[in-house]
């Protein structure tokens, strides 16, 4: 029997992949959430439009990381770290749908 948290993660990965496929993007979930099954590193959970995605679903996300209704994304970084962008999944799908797969020219 699958552990409930593993099942929750698997369902989330399928949700992401299915949402991308509905928009006509190429999307595949790594077998057993292990990117090595796709020839990538183990932390890759799925490929969406050629982009490597690690899916993390949590009971709660820090409120300061959730974009407000009047902004497109949130930029954040730890001290002496790299800036990260947090945005709505649907907005990201729209961006990569318009941009094409990495390496397309």
PDB file of N, CA and C in Angstrom:
ATOM      1  N   UNK A   1       0.838  -1.184   0.000  1.00  0.00           N
ATOM      2  CA  UNK A   1       0.000   0.000   0.000  1.00  0.00           C
ATOM      3  C   UNK A   1       0.887   1.255   0.000  1.00  0.00           C
ATOM      4  N   UNK A   2       0.521   2.227  -0.810  1.00  0.00           N
ATOM      5  CA  UNK A   2       1.292   3.458  -0.956  1.00  0.00           C
ATOM      6  C   UNK A   2       1.037   4.361   0.248  1.00  0.00           C
ATOM      7  N   UNK A   3       2.113   4.946   0.764  1.00  0.00           N
ATOM      8  CA  UNK A   3       2.009   5.887   1.879  1.00  0.00           C
ATOM      9  C   UNK A   3       1.189   7.099   1.432  1.00  0.00           C
ATOM     10  N   UNK A   4       0.307   7.632   2.292  1.00  0.00           N
ATOM     11  CA  UNK A   4      -0.554   8.764   1.901  1.00  0.00           C
ATOM     12  C   UNK A   4       0.205   9.974   1.342  1.00  0.00           C
ATOM     13  N   UNK A   5       1.365  10.313   1.912  1.00  0.00           N
ATOM     14  CA  UNK A   5       2.094  11.471   1.403  1.00  0.00           C
ATOM     15  C   UNK A   5       2.681  11.199   0.013  1.00  0.00           C
ATOM     16  N   UNK A   6       3.093   9.961  -0.248  1.00  0.00           N
ATOM     17  CA  UNK A   6       3.587   9.581  -1.575  1.00  0.00           C
ATOM     18  C   UNK A   6       2.450   9.643  -2.591  1.00  0.00           C
ATOM     19  N   UNK A   7       1.291   9.157  -2.176  1.00  0.00           N
ATOM     20  CA  UNK A   7       0.111   9.187  -3.043  1.00  0.00           C
ATOM     21  C   UNK A   7      -0.274  10.632  -3.370  1.00  0.00           C
ATOM     22  N   UNK A   8      -0.201  11.518  -2.378  1.00  0.00           N
ATOM     23  CA  UNK A   8      -0.512  12.932  -2.587  1.00  0.00           C
ATOM     24  C   UNK A   8       0.458  13.539  -3.602  1.00  0.00           C
ATOM     25  N   UNK A   9       1.738  13.209  -3.476  1.00  0.00           N
ATOM     26  CA  UNK A   9       2.737  13.715  -4.417  1.00  0.00           C
ATOM     27  C   UNK A   9       2.521  13.186  -5.828  1.00  0.00           C
ATOM     28  N   UNK A  10       2.229  11.891  -5.931  1.00  0.00           N
ATOM     29  CA  UNK A  10       1.970  11.294  -7.247  1.00  0.00           C
ATOM     30  C   UNK A  10       0.772  11.957  -7.921  1.00  0.00           C
ATOM     31  N   UNK A  11      -0.282  12.178  -7.153  1.00  0.00           N
ATOM     32  CA  UNK A  11      -1.479  12.817  -7.706  1.00  0.00           C
ATOM     33  C   UNK A  11      -1.183  14.241  -8.167  1.00  0.00           C
ATOM     34  N   UNK A  12      -0.353  14.952  -7.404  1.00  0.00           N
ATOM     35  CA  UNK A  12       0.004  16.324  -7.780  1.00  0.00           C
ATOM     36  C   UNK A  12       0.808  16.335  -9.081  1.00  0.00           C
ATOM     37  N   UNK A  13       1.750  15.430  -9.213  1.00  0.00           N
ATOM     38  CA  UNK A  13       2.534  15.351 -10.446  1.00  0.00           C
ATOM     39  C   UNK A  13       1.633  15.065 -11.640  1.00  0.00           C
ATOM     40  N   UNK A  14       0.684  14.133 -11.477  1.00  0.00           N
ATOM     41  CA  UNK A  14      -0.263  13.841 -12.558  1.00  0.00           C
ATOM     42  C   UNK A  14      -1.109  15.062 -12.889  1.00  0.00           C
ATOM     43  N   UNK A  15      -1.529  15.795 -11.863  1.00  0.00           N
ATOM     44  CA  UNK A  15      -2.322  17.009 -12.063  1.00  0.00           C
ATOM     45  C   UNK A  15      -1.552  18.024 -12.912  1.00  0.00           C
ATOM     46  N   UNK A  16      -0.281  18.235 -12.602  1.00  0.00           N
ATOM     47  CA  UNK A  16       0.537  19.178 -13.366  1.00  0.00           C
ATOM     48  C   UNK A  16       0.682  18.738 -14.819  1.00  0.00           C
ATOM     49  N   UNK A  17       1.012  17.472 -15.016  1.00  0.00           N
ATOM     50  CA  UNK A  17       1.210  16.934 -16.365  1.00  0.00           C
ATOM     51  C   UNK A  17      -0.088  17.008 -17.167  1.00  0.00           C
ATOM     52  N   UNK A  18      -1.199  16.626 -16.564  1.00  0.00           N
ATOM     53  CA  UNK A  18      -2.475  16.658 -17.281  1.00  0.00           C
ATOM     54  C   UNK A  18      -2.886  18.080 -17.642  1.00  0.00           C
ATOM     55  N   UNK A  19      -2.637  19.048 -16.753  1.00  0.00           N
ATOM     56  CA  UNK A  19      -2.952  20.453 -17.060  1.00  0.00           C
ATOM     57  C   UNK A  19      -2.146  20.935 -18.259  1.00  0.00           C
ATOM     58  N   UNK A  20      -0.886  20.566 -18.318  1.00  0.00           N
ATOM     59  CA  UNK A  20      -0.038  20.965 -19.442  1.00  0.00           C
ATOM     60  C   UNK A  20      -0.501  20.306 -20.738  1.00  0.00           C
ATOM     61  N   UNK A  21      -0.828  19.022 -20.672  1.00  0.00           N
ATOM     62  CA  UNK A  21      -1.289  18.309 -21.867  1.00  0.00           C
ATOM     63  C   UNK A  21      -2.586  18.901 -22.412  1.00  0.00           C
ATOM     64  N   UNK A  22      -3.463  19.356 -21.526  1.00  0.00           N
ATOM     65  CA  UNK A  22      -4.718  19.976 -21.968  1.00  0.00           C
ATOM     66  C   UNK A  22      -4.480  21.212 -22.818  1.00  0.00           C
ATOM     67  N   UNK A  23      -3.327  21.859 -22.620  1.00  0.00           N
ATOM     68  CA  UNK A  23      -2.969  23.032 -23.413  1.00  0.00           C
ATOM     69  C   UNK A  23      -2.146  22.671 -24.647  1.00  0.00           C
ATOM     70  N   UNK A  24      -1.941  21.378 -24.856  1.00  0.00           N
ATOM     71  CA  UNK A  24      -1.196  20.927 -26.023  1.00  0.00           C
ATOM     72  C   UNK A  24       0.311  20.877 -25.826  1.00  0.00           C
ATOM     73  N   UNK A  25       0.770  21.050 -24.591  1.00  0.00           N
ATOM     74  CA  UNK A  25       2.203  20.972 -24.318  1.00  0.00           C
ATOM     75  C   UNK A  25       2.619  19.515 -24.123  1.00  0.00           C
ATOM     76  N   UNK A  26       3.849  19.205 -24.494  1.00  0.00           N
ATOM     77  CA  UNK A  26       4.397  17.882 -24.218  1.00  0.00           C
ATOM     78  C   UNK A  26       4.659  17.806 -22.726  1.00  0.00           C
ATOM     79  N   UNK A  27       4.186  16.759 -22.083  1.00  0.00           N
ATOM     80  CA  UNK A  27       4.397  16.624 -20.643  1.00  0.00           C
ATOM     81  C   UNK A  27       4.431  15.150 -20.286  1.00  0.00           C
ATOM     82  N   UNK A  28       5.360  14.798 -19.403  1.00  0.00           N
ATOM     83  CA  UNK A  28       5.495  13.412 -18.959  1.00  0.00           C
ATOM     84  C   UNK A  28       5.938  13.406 -17.503  1.00  0.00           C
ATOM     85  N   UNK A  29       5.398  12.469 -16.766  1.00  0.00           N
ATOM     86  CA  UNK A  29       5.767  12.283 -15.366  1.00  0.00           C
ATOM     87  C   UNK A  29       6.834  11.206 -15.292  1.00  0.00           C
ATOM     88  N   UNK A  30       7.837  11.428 -14.472  1.00  0.00           N
ATOM     89  CA  UNK A  30       8.898  10.436 -14.293  1.00  0.00           C
ATOM     90  C   UNK A  30       8.348   9.246 -13.513  1.00  0.00           C
ATOM     91  N   UNK A  31       8.662   8.053 -13.970  1.00  0.00           N
ATOM     92  CA  UNK A  31       8.232   6.847 -13.277  1.00  0.00           C
ATOM     93  C   UNK A  31       8.761   6.883 -11.848  1.00  0.00           C
ATOM     94  N   UNK A  32       7.892   6.633 -10.890  1.00  0.00           N
ATOM     95  CA  UNK A  32       8.236   6.608  -9.467  1.00  0.00           C
ATOM     96  C   UNK A  32       8.839   7.932  -8.994  1.00  0.00           C
ATOM     97  N   UNK A  33       8.468   9.036  -9.661  1.00  0.00           N
ATOM     98  CA  UNK A  33       8.972  10.371  -9.301  1.00  0.00           C
ATOM     99  C   UNK A  33      10.493  10.427  -9.304  1.00  0.00           C
ATOM    100  N   UNK A  34      11.098   9.650 -10.172  1.00  0.00           N
ATOM    101  CA  UNK A  34      12.555   9.582 -10.233  1.00  0.00           C
ATOM    102  C   UNK A  34      12.996   9.938 -11.643  1.00  0.00           C
ATOM    103  N   UNK A  35      13.602  11.102 -11.778  1.00  0.00           N
ATOM    104  CA  UNK A  35      14.024  11.588 -13.083  1.00  0.00           C
ATOM    105  C   UNK A  35      14.986  10.679 -13.820  1.00  0.00           C
ATOM    106  N   UNK A  36      15.631   9.762 -13.093  1.00  0.00           N
ATOM    107  CA  UNK A  36      16.540   8.839 -13.783  1.00  0.00           C
ATOM    108  C   UNK A  36      15.781   7.992 -14.798  1.00  0.00           C
ATOM    109  N   UNK A  37      14.475   7.789 -14.563  1.00  0.00           N
ATOM    110  CA  UNK A  37      13.685   7.029 -15.536  1.00  0.00           C
ATOM    111  C   UNK A  37      13.516   7.790 -16.848  1.00  0.00           C
ATOM    112  N   UNK A  38      13.794   9.093 -16.815  1.00  0.00           N
ATOM    113  CA  UNK A  38      13.741   9.931 -18.018  1.00  0.00           C
ATOM    114  C   UNK A  38      15.142  10.265 -18.531  1.00  0.00           C
ATOM    115  N   UNK A  39      16.154   9.670 -17.912  1.00  0.00           N
ATOM    116  CA  UNK A  39      17.529   9.955 -18.289  1.00  0.00           C
ATOM    117  C   UNK A  39      18.050  11.250 -17.682  1.00  0.00           C
ATOM    118  N   UNK A  40      17.405  11.705 -16.612  1.00  0.00           N
ATOM    119  CA  UNK A  40      17.786  12.955 -15.948  1.00  0.00           C
ATOM    120  C   UNK A  40      18.196  12.652 -14.517  1.00  0.00           C
ATOM    121  N   UNK A  41      18.400  13.683 -13.716  1.00  0.00           N
ATOM    122  CA  UNK A  41      18.736  13.463 -12.308  1.00  0.00           C
ATOM    123  C   UNK A  41      17.484  13.094 -11.527  1.00  0.00           C
ATOM    124  N   UNK A  42      17.679  12.442 -10.399  1.00  0.00           N
ATOM    125  CA  UNK A  42      16.553  11.888  -9.654  1.00  0.00           C
ATOM    126  C   UNK A  42      15.597  12.933  -9.095  1.00  0.00           C
ATOM    127  N   UNK A  43      16.009  14.197  -8.972  1.00  0.00           N
ATOM    128  CA  UNK A  43      15.111  15.201  -8.408  1.00  0.00           C
ATOM    129  C   UNK A  43      14.099  15.765  -9.401  1.00  0.00           C
ATOM    130  N   UNK A  44      14.156  15.344 -10.661  1.00  0.00           N
ATOM    131  CA  UNK A  44      13.184  15.772 -11.668  1.00  0.00           C
ATOM    132  C   UNK A  44      11.956  14.872 -11.565  1.00  0.00           C
ATOM    133  N   UNK A  45      10.798  15.487 -11.298  1.00  0.00           N
ATOM    134  CA  UNK A  45       9.558  14.726 -11.169  1.00  0.00           C
ATOM    135  C   UNK A  45       8.786  14.635 -12.480  1.00  0.00           C
ATOM    136  N   UNK A  46       8.897  15.660 -13.322  1.00  0.00           N
ATOM    137  CA  UNK A  46       8.210  15.622 -14.619  1.00  0.00           C
ATOM    138  C   UNK A  46       8.860  16.614 -15.579  1.00  0.00           C
ATOM    139  N   UNK A  47       8.603  16.387 -16.847  1.00  0.00           N
ATOM    140  CA  UNK A  47       9.036  17.294 -17.910  1.00  0.00           C
ATOM    141  C   UNK A  47       7.787  17.947 -18.471  1.00  0.00           C
ATOM    142  N   UNK A  48       7.780  19.259 -18.521  1.00  0.00           N
ATOM    143  CA  UNK A  48       6.634  19.987 -19.075  1.00  0.00           C
ATOM    144  C   UNK A  48       7.179  20.956 -20.110  1.00  0.00           C
ATOM    145  N   UNK A  49       6.803  20.730 -21.353  1.00  0.00           N
ATOM    146  CA  UNK A  49       7.296  21.585 -22.427  1.00  0.00           C
ATOM    147  C   UNK A  49       8.802  21.596 -22.522  1.00  0.00           C
ATOM    148  N   UNK A  50       9.446  20.510 -22.117  1.00  0.00           N
ATOM    149  CA  UNK A  50      10.895  20.421 -22.152  1.00  0.00           C
ATOM    150  C   UNK A  50      11.576  20.997 -20.914  1.00  0.00           C
ATOM    151  N   UNK A  51      10.811  21.532 -19.990  1.00  0.00           N
ATOM    152  CA  UNK A  51      11.365  22.087 -18.752  1.00  0.00           C
ATOM    153  C   UNK A  51      11.304  21.050 -17.639  1.00  0.00           C
ATOM    154  N   UNK A  52      12.380  20.957 -16.881  1.00  0.00           N
ATOM    155  CA  UNK A  52      12.466  19.993 -15.780  1.00  0.00           C
ATOM    156  C   UNK A  52      11.769  20.578 -14.553  1.00  0.00           C
ATOM    157  N   UNK A  53      10.803  19.836 -14.017  1.00  0.00           N
ATOM    158  CA  UNK A  53       9.999  20.321 -12.903  1.00  0.00           C
ATOM    159  C   UNK A  53      10.135  19.387 -11.706  1.00  0.00           C
ATOM    160  N   UNK A  54      10.395  19.966 -10.551  1.00  0.00           N
ATOM    161  CA  UNK A  54      10.307  19.218  -9.302  1.00  0.00           C
ATOM    162  C   UNK A  54       9.033  19.700  -8.625  1.00  0.00           C
ATOM    163  N   UNK A  55       8.124  18.782  -8.365  1.00  0.00           N
ATOM    164  CA  UNK A  55       6.821  19.132  -7.806  1.00  0.00           C
ATOM    165  C   UNK A  55       6.830  18.971  -6.290  1.00  0.00           C
ATOM    166  N   UNK A  56       6.406  20.000  -5.591  1.00  0.00           N
ATOM    167  CA  UNK A  56       6.310  19.969  -4.136  1.00  0.00           C
ATOM    168  C   UNK A  56       4.936  20.468  -3.721  1.00  0.00           C
ATOM    169  N   UNK A  57       4.182  19.616  -3.086  1.00  0.00           N
ATOM    170  CA  UNK A  57       2.868  20.007  -2.588  1.00  0.00           C
ATOM    171  C   UNK A  57       2.925  19.990  -1.068  1.00  0.00           C
ATOM    172  N   UNK A  58       2.493  21.073  -0.457  1.00  0.00           N
ATOM    173  CA  UNK A  58       2.525  21.206   0.990  1.00  0.00           C
ATOM    174  C   UNK A  58       1.153  21.637   1.488  1.00  0.00           C
ATOM    175  N   UNK A  59       0.897  21.357   2.753  1.00  0.00           N
ATOM    176  CA  UNK A  59      -0.368  21.757   3.357  1.00  0.00           C
ATOM    177  C   UNK A  59      -0.539  23.272   3.271  1.00  0.00           C
ATOM    178  N   UNK A  60       0.551  23.995   3.476  1.00  0.00           N
ATOM    179  CA  UNK A  60       0.506  25.461   3.423  1.00  0.00           C
ATOM    180  C   UNK A  60       1.793  25.981   2.791  1.00  0.00           C
ATOM    181  N   UNK A  61       1.667  27.122   2.130  1.00  0.00           N
ATOM    182  CA  UNK A  61       2.815  27.810   1.548  1.00  0.00           C
ATOM    183  C   UNK A  61       2.905  29.156   2.260  1.00  0.00           C
ATOM    184  N   UNK A  62       4.101  29.588   2.540  1.00  0.00           N
ATOM    185  CA  UNK A  62       4.280  30.875   3.216  1.00  0.00           C
ATOM    186  C   UNK A  62       3.521  31.972   2.469  1.00  0.00           C
ATOM    187  N   UNK A  63       2.737  32.722   3.186  1.00  0.00           N
ATOM    188  CA  UNK A  63       1.871  33.746   2.583  1.00  0.00           C
ATOM    189  C   UNK A  63       2.651  34.747   1.733  1.00  0.00           C
ATOM    190  N   UNK A  64       3.867  35.083   2.142  1.00  0.00           N
ATOM    191  CA  UNK A  64       4.634  36.073   1.378  1.00  0.00           C
ATOM    192  C   UNK A  64       5.100  35.541   0.022  1.00  0.00           C
ATOM    193  N   UNK A  65       4.967  34.251  -0.224  1.00  0.00           N
ATOM    194  CA  UNK A  65       5.357  33.672  -1.516  1.00  0.00           C
ATOM    195  C   UNK A  65       4.188  33.558  -2.495  1.00  0.00           C
ATOM    196  N   UNK A  66       2.990  33.861  -2.048  1.00  0.00           N
ATOM    197  CA  UNK A  66       1.813  33.750  -2.910  1.00  0.00           C
ATOM    198  C   UNK A  66       1.586  35.085  -3.605  1.00  0.00           C
ATOM    199  N   UNK A  67       1.638  35.098  -4.956  1.00  0.00           N
ATOM    200  CA  UNK A  67       1.424  36.360  -5.673  1.00  0.00           C
ATOM    201  C   UNK A  67       0.017  36.910  -5.395  1.00  0.00           C
ATOM    202  N   UNK A  68      -0.066  38.197  -5.110  1.00  0.00           N
ATOM    203  CA  UNK A  68      -1.357  38.850  -4.929  1.00  0.00           C
ATOM    204  C   UNK A  68      -2.072  38.975  -6.259  1.00  0.00           C
ATOM    205  N   UNK A  69      -3.325  39.343  -6.206  1.00  0.00           N
ATOM    206  CA  UNK A  69      -4.109  39.411  -7.445  1.00  0.00           C
ATOM    207  C   UNK A  69      -3.655  40.518  -8.385  1.00  0.00           C
ATOM    208  N   UNK A  70      -2.879  41.480  -7.890  1.00  0.00           N
ATOM    209  CA  UNK A  70      -2.439  42.600  -8.719  1.00  0.00           C
ATOM    210  C   UNK A  70      -1.020  42.462  -9.252  1.00  0.00           C
ATOM    211  N   UNK A  71      -0.370  41.316  -8.991  1.00  0.00           N
ATOM    212  CA  UNK A  71       0.989  41.095  -9.488  1.00  0.00           C
ATOM    213  C   UNK A  71       1.051  39.767 -10.238  1.00  0.00           C
ATOM    214  N   UNK A  72       2.050  39.635 -11.108  1.00  0.00           N
ATOM    215  CA  UNK A  72       2.219  38.415 -11.895  1.00  0.00           C
ATOM    216  C   UNK A  72       3.092  37.384 -11.198  1.00  0.00           C
ATOM    217  N   UNK A  73       4.004  37.846 -10.353  1.00  0.00           N
ATOM    218  CA  UNK A  73       4.913  36.922  -9.693  1.00  0.00           C
ATOM    219  C   UNK A  73       5.509  37.567  -8.454  1.00  0.00           C
ATOM    220  N   UNK A  74       6.182  36.749  -7.670  1.00  0.00           N
ATOM    221  CA  UNK A  74       6.901  37.221  -6.493  1.00  0.00           C
ATOM    222  C   UNK A  74       8.371  36.875  -6.699  1.00  0.00           C
ATOM    223  N   UNK A  75       9.252  37.856  -6.501  1.00  0.00           N
ATOM    224  CA  UNK A  75      10.696  37.607  -6.540  1.00  0.00           C
ATOM    225  C   UNK A  75      11.174  37.521  -5.097  1.00  0.00           C
ATOM    226  N   UNK A  76      11.988  36.509  -4.829  1.00  0.00           N
ATOM    227  CA  UNK A  76      12.508  36.332  -3.473  1.00  0.00           C
ATOM    228  C   UNK A  76      13.906  35.739  -3.545  1.00  0.00           C
ATOM    229  N   UNK A  77      14.693  35.979  -2.529  1.00  0.00           N
ATOM    230  CA  UNK A  77      15.999  35.338  -2.460  1.00  0.00           C
ATOM    231  C   UNK A  77      16.479  35.307  -1.019  1.00  0.00           C
ATOM    232  N   UNK A  78      17.194  34.264  -0.676  1.00  0.00           N
ATOM    233  CA  UNK A  78      17.822  34.231   0.643  1.00  0.00           C
ATOM    234  C   UNK A  78      19.052  35.132   0.625  1.00  0.00           C
ATOM    235  N   UNK A  79      19.485  35.584   1.794  1.00  0.00           N
ATOM    236  CA  UNK A  79      20.714  36.369   1.871  1.00  0.00           C
ATOM    237  C   UNK A  79      21.842  35.596   1.195  1.00  0.00           C
ATOM    238  N   UNK A  80      22.606  36.283   0.361  1.00  0.00           N
ATOM    239  CA  UNK A  80      23.728  35.698  -0.380  1.00  0.00           C
ATOM    240  C   UNK A  80      23.293  34.524  -1.265  1.00  0.00           C
ATOM    241  N   UNK A  81      22.047  34.531  -1.694  1.00  0.00           N
ATOM    242  CA  UNK A  81      21.539  33.441  -2.521  1.00  0.00           C
ATOM    243  C   UNK A  81      21.045  33.924  -3.869  1.00  0.00           C
ATOM    244  N   UNK A  82      20.444  33.034  -4.570  1.00  0.00           N
ATOM    245  CA  UNK A  82      19.941  33.276  -5.920  1.00  0.00           C
ATOM    246  C   UNK A  82      18.477  33.719  -5.883  1.00  0.00           C
ATOM    247  N   UNK A  83      18.112  34.671  -6.732  1.00  0.00           N
ATOM    248  CA  UNK A  83      16.729  35.130  -6.813  1.00  0.00           C
ATOM    249  C   UNK A  83      15.868  34.072  -7.478  1.00  0.00           C
ATOM    250  N   UNK A  84      14.710  33.847  -6.890  1.00  0.00           N
ATOM    251  CA  UNK A  84      13.732  32.896  -7.414  1.00  0.00           C
ATOM    252  C   UNK A  84      12.446  33.643  -7.743  1.00  0.00           C
ATOM    253  N   UNK A  85      11.720  33.133  -8.721  1.00  0.00           N
ATOM    254  CA  UNK A  85      10.431  33.700  -9.088  1.00  0.00           C
ATOM    255  C   UNK A  85       9.351  32.680  -8.747  1.00  0.00           C
ATOM    256  N   UNK A  86       8.317  33.145  -8.073  1.00  0.00           N
ATOM    257  CA  UNK A  86       7.150  32.309  -7.765  1.00  0.00           C
ATOM    258  C   UNK A  86       5.984  32.912  -8.534  1.00  0.00           C
ATOM    259  N   UNK A  87       5.335  32.074  -9.349  1.00  0.00           N
ATOM    260  CA  UNK A  87       4.202  32.558 -10.134  1.00  0.00           C
ATOM    261  C   UNK A  87       3.131  31.481 -10.229  1.00  0.00           C
ATOM    262  N   UNK A  88       1.958  31.882 -10.652  1.00  0.00           N
ATOM    263  CA  UNK A  88       0.868  30.923 -10.826  1.00  0.00           C
ATOM    264  C   UNK A  88       1.236  29.934 -11.934  1.00  0.00           C
ATOM    265  N   UNK A  89       0.911  28.670 -11.714  1.00  0.00           N
ATOM    266  CA  UNK A  89       1.234  27.612 -12.668  1.00  0.00           C
ATOM    267  C   UNK A  89       0.621  27.906 -14.034  1.00  0.00           C
ATOM    268  N   UNK A  90      -0.613  28.385 -14.056  1.00  0.00           N
ATOM    269  CA  UNK A  90      -1.277  28.660 -15.337  1.00  0.00           C
ATOM    270  C   UNK A  90      -0.559  29.770 -16.109  1.00  0.00           C
ATOM    271  N   UNK A  91      -0.042  30.769 -15.388  1.00  0.00           N
ATOM    272  CA  UNK A  91       0.720  31.836 -16.052  1.00  0.00           C
ATOM    273  C   UNK A  91       2.021  31.287 -16.633  1.00  0.00           C
ATOM    274  N   UNK A  92       2.673  30.398 -15.874  1.00  0.00           N
ATOM    275  CA  UNK A  92       3.913  29.785 -16.355  1.00  0.00           C
ATOM    276  C   UNK A  92       3.638  28.931 -17.593  1.00  0.00           C
ATOM    277  N   UNK A  93       2.560  28.146 -17.567  1.00  0.00           N
ATOM    278  CA  UNK A  93       2.212  27.336 -18.737  1.00  0.00           C
ATOM    279  C   UNK A  93       1.997  28.224 -19.959  1.00  0.00           C
ATOM    280  N   UNK A  94       1.335  29.353 -19.759  1.00  0.00           N
ATOM    281  CA  UNK A  94       1.112  30.286 -20.863  1.00  0.00           C
ATOM    282  C   UNK A  94       2.440  30.805 -21.417  1.00  0.00           C
ATOM    283  N   UNK A  95       3.373  31.136 -20.535  1.00  0.00           N
ATOM    284  CA  UNK A  95       4.687  31.618 -20.977  1.00  0.00           C
ATOM    285  C   UNK A  95       5.432  30.570 -21.800  1.00  0.00           C
ATOM    286  N   UNK A  96       5.477  29.340 -21.295  1.00  0.00           N
ATOM    287  CA  UNK A  96       6.250  28.336 -22.035  1.00  0.00           C
ATOM    288  C   UNK A  96       5.525  27.895 -23.298  1.00  0.00           C
ATOM    289  N   UNK A  97       4.220  27.999 -23.296  1.00  0.00           N
ATOM    290  CA  UNK A  97       3.467  27.689 -24.519  1.00  0.00           C
ATOM    291  C   UNK A  97       3.836  28.685 -25.608  1.00  0.00           C
ATOM    292  N   UNK A  98       3.979  29.949 -25.248  1.00  0.00           N
ATOM    293  CA  UNK A  98       4.347  30.985 -26.212  1.00  0.00           C
ATOM    294  C   UNK A  98       5.826  30.917 -26.589  1.00  0.00           C
ATOM    295  N   UNK A  99       6.666  30.539 -25.630  1.00  0.00           N
ATOM    296  CA  UNK A  99       8.112  30.541 -25.860  1.00  0.00           C
ATOM    297  C   UNK A  99       8.598  29.306 -26.606  1.00  0.00           C
ATOM    298  N   UNK A 100       7.890  28.215 -26.483  1.00  0.00           N
ATOM    299  CA  UNK A 100       8.334  26.966 -27.100  1.00  0.00           C
ATOM    300  C   UNK A 100       9.260  26.195 -26.169  1.00  0.00           C
ATOM    301  N   UNK A 101       9.665  25.038 -26.610  1.00  0.00           N
ATOM    302  CA  UNK A 101      10.535  24.184 -25.801  1.00  0.00           C
ATOM    303  C   UNK A 101      11.954  24.721 -25.799  1.00  0.00           C
ATOM    304  N   UNK A 102      12.692  24.464 -24.708  1.00  0.00           N
ATOM    305  CA  UNK A 102      14.098  24.895 -24.681  1.00  0.00           C
ATOM    306  C   UNK A 102      14.848  24.325 -25.884  1.00  0.00           C
ATOM    307  N   UNK A 103      15.632  25.161 -26.508  1.00  0.00           N
ATOM    308  CA  UNK A 103      16.407  24.716 -27.661  1.00  0.00           C
ATOM    309  C   UNK A 103      15.706  24.929 -28.993  1.00  0.00           C
ATOM    310  N   UNK A 104      14.381  25.220 -28.977  1.00  0.00           N
ATOM    311  CA  UNK A 104      13.674  25.510 -30.220  1.00  0.00           C
ATOM    312  C   UNK A 104      14.104  26.895 -30.706  1.00  0.00           C
ATOM    313  N   UNK A 105      14.347  27.021 -31.981  1.00  0.00           N
ATOM    314  CA  UNK A 105      14.751  28.321 -32.510  1.00  0.00           C
ATOM    315  C   UNK A 105      14.067  28.599 -33.793  1.00  0.00           C
TER     316      UNK A 105
END
